[in-house]
Amino acid sequence: MTVGKTLRTLIEENNLTQKQLAHILNMAPSTLGGYVQGTSEPDIETLKQIAAYFEVSMDYLLDYSKNQVSVPGEQEILRIFRTLPPKGRELFLEQGKLLLKFSQKDMAPPSNHAE
């Protein structure tokens, strides 16, 4: 995914317009539009601003992972988590922990009970 596509997704998920985000980041709407359309790319300082506003890493914005191997759905889970409000994040984590707990039980070998 390009910076523009990632930025477009973040804008949509946060129910913003490009104009609103440009105002928040103190930049011209046409500048932000160029980033979203992929005709230009933000400099490092602008990437930092965008990452800070959306509470994501610059690696996420750049779609860069040192560990290029990812599990299918991993990026989507991370994206969903990051768009949730704090209470939603807590609930999301608790649900994930419960799912992990139950899946580990399902995969555990049957215990041998001698009767």
C-alpha atoms as a PDB file:
ATOM      1  CA  MET A   1       0.000   0.000   0.000  1.00  0.00           C
ATOM      2  CA  THR A   2       1.298   3.476  -0.829  1.00  0.00           C
ATOM      3  CA  VAL A   3       1.410   6.444   1.530  1.00  0.00           C
ATOM      4  CA  GLY A   4      -1.533   7.916  -0.373  1.00  0.00           C
ATOM      5  CA  LYS A   5      -3.704   4.818  -0.001  1.00  0.00           C
ATOM      6  CA  THR A   6      -2.835   4.488   3.677  1.00  0.00           C
ATOM      7  CA  LEU A   7      -3.586   8.159   4.241  1.00  0.00           C
ATOM      8  CA  ARG A   8      -6.898   7.888   2.380  1.00  0.00           C
ATOM      9  CA  THR A   9      -7.880   4.905   4.550  1.00  0.00           C
ATOM     10  CA  LEU A  10      -7.004   6.759   7.759  1.00  0.00           C
ATOM     11  CA  ILE A  11      -8.944   9.838   6.670  1.00  0.00           C
ATOM     12  CA  GLU A  12     -12.028   7.753   5.850  1.00  0.00           C
ATOM     13  CA  GLU A  13     -11.848   5.657   9.012  1.00  0.00           C
ATOM     14  CA  ASN A  14     -11.653   8.790  11.128  1.00  0.00           C
ATOM     15  CA  ASN A  15     -14.599  10.407   9.333  1.00  0.00           C
ATOM     16  CA  LEU A  16     -12.548  13.371   8.171  1.00  0.00           C
ATOM     17  CA  THR A  17     -12.372  15.233   4.931  1.00  0.00           C
ATOM     18  CA  GLN A  18      -9.058  16.027   3.306  1.00  0.00           C
ATOM     19  CA  LYS A  19      -9.795  19.699   3.877  1.00  0.00           C
ATOM     20  CA  GLN A  20     -10.363  19.138   7.610  1.00  0.00           C
ATOM     21  CA  LEU A  21      -7.130  17.175   7.967  1.00  0.00           C
ATOM     22  CA  ALA A  22      -5.189  19.773   5.986  1.00  0.00           C
ATOM     23  CA  HIS A  23      -6.493  22.448   8.373  1.00  0.00           C
ATOM     24  CA  ILE A  24      -5.585  20.338  11.425  1.00  0.00           C
ATOM     25  CA  LEU A  25      -2.068  19.747  10.072  1.00  0.00           C
ATOM     26  CA  ASN A  26      -1.740  23.400   9.016  1.00  0.00           C
ATOM     27  CA  MET A  27      -1.112  22.692   5.343  1.00  0.00           C
ATOM     28  CA  ALA A  28      -2.757  23.592   2.078  1.00  0.00           C
ATOM     29  CA  PRO A  29      -5.562  21.217   1.071  1.00  0.00           C
ATOM     30  CA  SER A  30      -3.896  20.876  -2.344  1.00  0.00           C
ATOM     31  CA  THR A  31      -0.697  19.653  -0.654  1.00  0.00           C
ATOM     32  CA  LEU A  32      -2.573  16.972   1.255  1.00  0.00           C
ATOM     33  CA  GLY A  33      -4.506  16.118  -1.895  1.00  0.00           C
ATOM     34  CA  GLY A  34      -1.207  15.474  -3.657  1.00  0.00           C
ATOM     35  CA  TYR A  35      -0.185  13.048  -0.926  1.00  0.00           C
ATOM     36  CA  VAL A  36      -3.506  11.204  -1.070  1.00  0.00           C
ATOM     37  CA  GLN A  37      -3.460  11.029  -4.870  1.00  0.00           C
ATOM     38  CA  GLY A  38       0.158   9.887  -4.899  1.00  0.00           C
ATOM     39  CA  THR A  39       1.397  12.751  -7.061  1.00  0.00           C
ATOM     40  CA  SER A  40       3.708  13.909  -4.265  1.00  0.00           C
ATOM     41  CA  GLU A  41       5.027  12.495  -1.014  1.00  0.00           C
ATOM     42  CA  PRO A  42       5.328  14.117   2.397  1.00  0.00           C
ATOM     43  CA  ASP A  43       8.727  14.951   3.847  1.00  0.00           C
ATOM     44  CA  ILE A  44       9.893  13.394   7.113  1.00  0.00           C
ATOM     45  CA  GLU A  45       8.532  16.175   9.327  1.00  0.00           C
ATOM     46  CA  THR A  46       5.109  15.960   7.678  1.00  0.00           C
ATOM     47  CA  LEU A  47       5.117  12.166   8.052  1.00  0.00           C
ATOM     48  CA  LYS A  48       5.829  12.675  11.761  1.00  0.00           C
ATOM     49  CA  GLN A  49       2.871  15.069  12.050  1.00  0.00           C
ATOM     50  CA  ILE A  50       0.522  12.698  10.256  1.00  0.00           C
ATOM     51  CA  ALA A  51       1.708   9.705  12.292  1.00  0.00           C
ATOM     52  CA  ALA A  52       1.288  11.637  15.544  1.00  0.00           C
ATOM     53  CA  TYR A  53      -2.206  12.805  14.630  1.00  0.00           C
ATOM     54  CA  PHE A  54      -3.450   9.336  13.709  1.00  0.00           C
ATOM     55  CA  GLU A  55      -1.407   7.627  16.456  1.00  0.00           C
ATOM     56  CA  VAL A  56       0.332   5.314  13.994  1.00  0.00           C
ATOM     57  CA  SER A  57       3.987   4.707  13.260  1.00  0.00           C
ATOM     58  CA  MET A  58       5.799   6.187  10.303  1.00  0.00           C
ATOM     59  CA  ASP A  59       6.511   2.588   9.267  1.00  0.00           C
ATOM     60  CA  TYR A  60       2.771   2.035   9.078  1.00  0.00           C
ATOM     61  CA  LEU A  61       2.312   5.113   6.889  1.00  0.00           C
ATOM     62  CA  LEU A  62       5.127   3.974   4.622  1.00  0.00           C
ATOM     63  CA  ASP A  63       3.942   0.357   4.644  1.00  0.00           C
ATOM     64  CA  TYR A  64       7.382  -0.709   5.765  1.00  0.00           C
ATOM     65  CA  SER A  65       8.139  -3.688   7.925  1.00  0.00           C
ATOM     66  CA  LYS A  66      11.603  -4.883   8.855  1.00  0.00           C
ATOM     67  CA  ASN A  67      10.047  -8.295   9.114  1.00  0.00           C
ATOM     68  CA  GLN A  68       8.494  -8.518   5.655  1.00  0.00           C
ATOM     69  CA  VAL A  69       6.686 -11.749   6.519  1.00  0.00           C
ATOM     70  CA  SER A  70       3.240 -10.949   7.825  1.00  0.00           C
ATOM     71  CA  VAL A  71       0.314 -13.103   8.735  1.00  0.00           C
ATOM     72  CA  PRO A  72      -2.761 -12.601   6.537  1.00  0.00           C
ATOM     73  CA  GLY A  73      -5.032 -10.071   8.212  1.00  0.00           C
ATOM     74  CA  GLU A  74      -2.315  -8.727  10.521  1.00  0.00           C
ATOM     75  CA  GLN A  75      -2.277  -5.252   8.979  1.00  0.00           C
ATOM     76  CA  GLU A  76      -6.071  -5.094   9.027  1.00  0.00           C
ATOM     77  CA  ILE A  77      -6.185  -6.043  12.705  1.00  0.00           C
ATOM     78  CA  LEU A  78      -3.618  -3.367  13.495  1.00  0.00           C
ATOM     79  CA  ARG A  79      -5.480  -0.776  11.421  1.00  0.00           C
ATOM     80  CA  ILE A  80      -8.784  -1.572  13.151  1.00  0.00           C
ATOM     81  CA  PHE A  81      -7.168  -1.446  16.584  1.00  0.00           C
ATOM     82  CA  ARG A  82      -5.605   1.941  15.894  1.00  0.00           C
ATOM     83  CA  THR A  83      -8.907   3.479  14.822  1.00  0.00           C
ATOM     84  CA  LEU A  84     -10.753   2.440  17.985  1.00  0.00           C
ATOM     85  CA  PRO A  85     -11.199   4.789  20.930  1.00  0.00           C
ATOM     86  CA  PRO A  86      -9.313   3.812  24.123  1.00  0.00           C
ATOM     87  CA  LYS A  87     -12.238   1.828  25.600  1.00  0.00           C
ATOM     88  CA  GLY A  88     -12.683   0.008  22.295  1.00  0.00           C
ATOM     89  CA  ARG A  89      -8.978  -0.880  22.278  1.00  0.00           C
ATOM     90  CA  GLU A  90      -9.276  -2.368  25.762  1.00  0.00           C
ATOM     91  CA  LEU A  91     -12.281  -4.447  24.704  1.00  0.00           C
ATOM     92  CA  PHE A  92     -10.524  -5.529  21.488  1.00  0.00           C
ATOM     93  CA  LEU A  93      -7.506  -6.749  23.486  1.00  0.00           C
ATOM     94  CA  GLU A  94      -9.660  -8.600  26.018  1.00  0.00           C
ATOM     95  CA  GLN A  95     -11.552 -10.329  23.207  1.00  0.00           C
ATOM     96  CA  GLY A  96      -8.257 -11.285  21.576  1.00  0.00           C
ATOM     97  CA  LYS A  97      -6.933 -12.722  24.843  1.00  0.00           C
ATOM     98  CA  LEU A  98     -10.097 -14.781  25.307  1.00  0.00           C
ATOM     99  CA  LEU A  99      -9.872 -16.067  21.747  1.00  0.00           C
ATOM    100  CA  LEU A 100      -6.242 -17.027  22.303  1.00  0.00           C
ATOM    101  CA  LYS A 101      -7.080 -18.786  25.564  1.00  0.00           C
ATOM    102  CA  PHE A 102      -9.849 -20.849  23.967  1.00  0.00           C
ATOM    103  CA  SER A 103      -7.844 -21.670  20.843  1.00  0.00           C
ATOM    104  CA  GLN A 104      -4.976 -22.927  23.008  1.00  0.00           C
ATOM    105  CA  LYS A 105      -7.381 -25.208  24.860  1.00  0.00           C
ATOM    106  CA  ASP A 106      -8.699 -26.570  21.558  1.00  0.00           C
ATOM    107  CA  MET A 107      -5.174 -27.340  20.364  1.00  0.00           C
ATOM    108  CA  ALA A 108      -3.957 -28.897  23.613  1.00  0.00           C
ATOM    109  CA  PRO A 109      -3.414 -32.648  23.475  1.00  0.00           C
ATOM    110  CA  PRO A 110      -6.041 -34.647  25.381  1.00  0.00           C
ATOM    111  CA  SER A 111      -4.996 -35.496  28.894  1.00  0.00           C
ATOM    112  CA  ASN A 112      -4.655 -39.169  29.749  1.00  0.00           C
ATOM    113  CA  HIS A 113      -6.727 -39.923  32.784  1.00  0.00           C
ATOM    114  CA  ALA A 114      -6.280 -43.474  34.040  1.00  0.00           C
ATOM    115  CA  GLU A 115      -9.416 -44.651  35.721  1.00  0.00           C
END
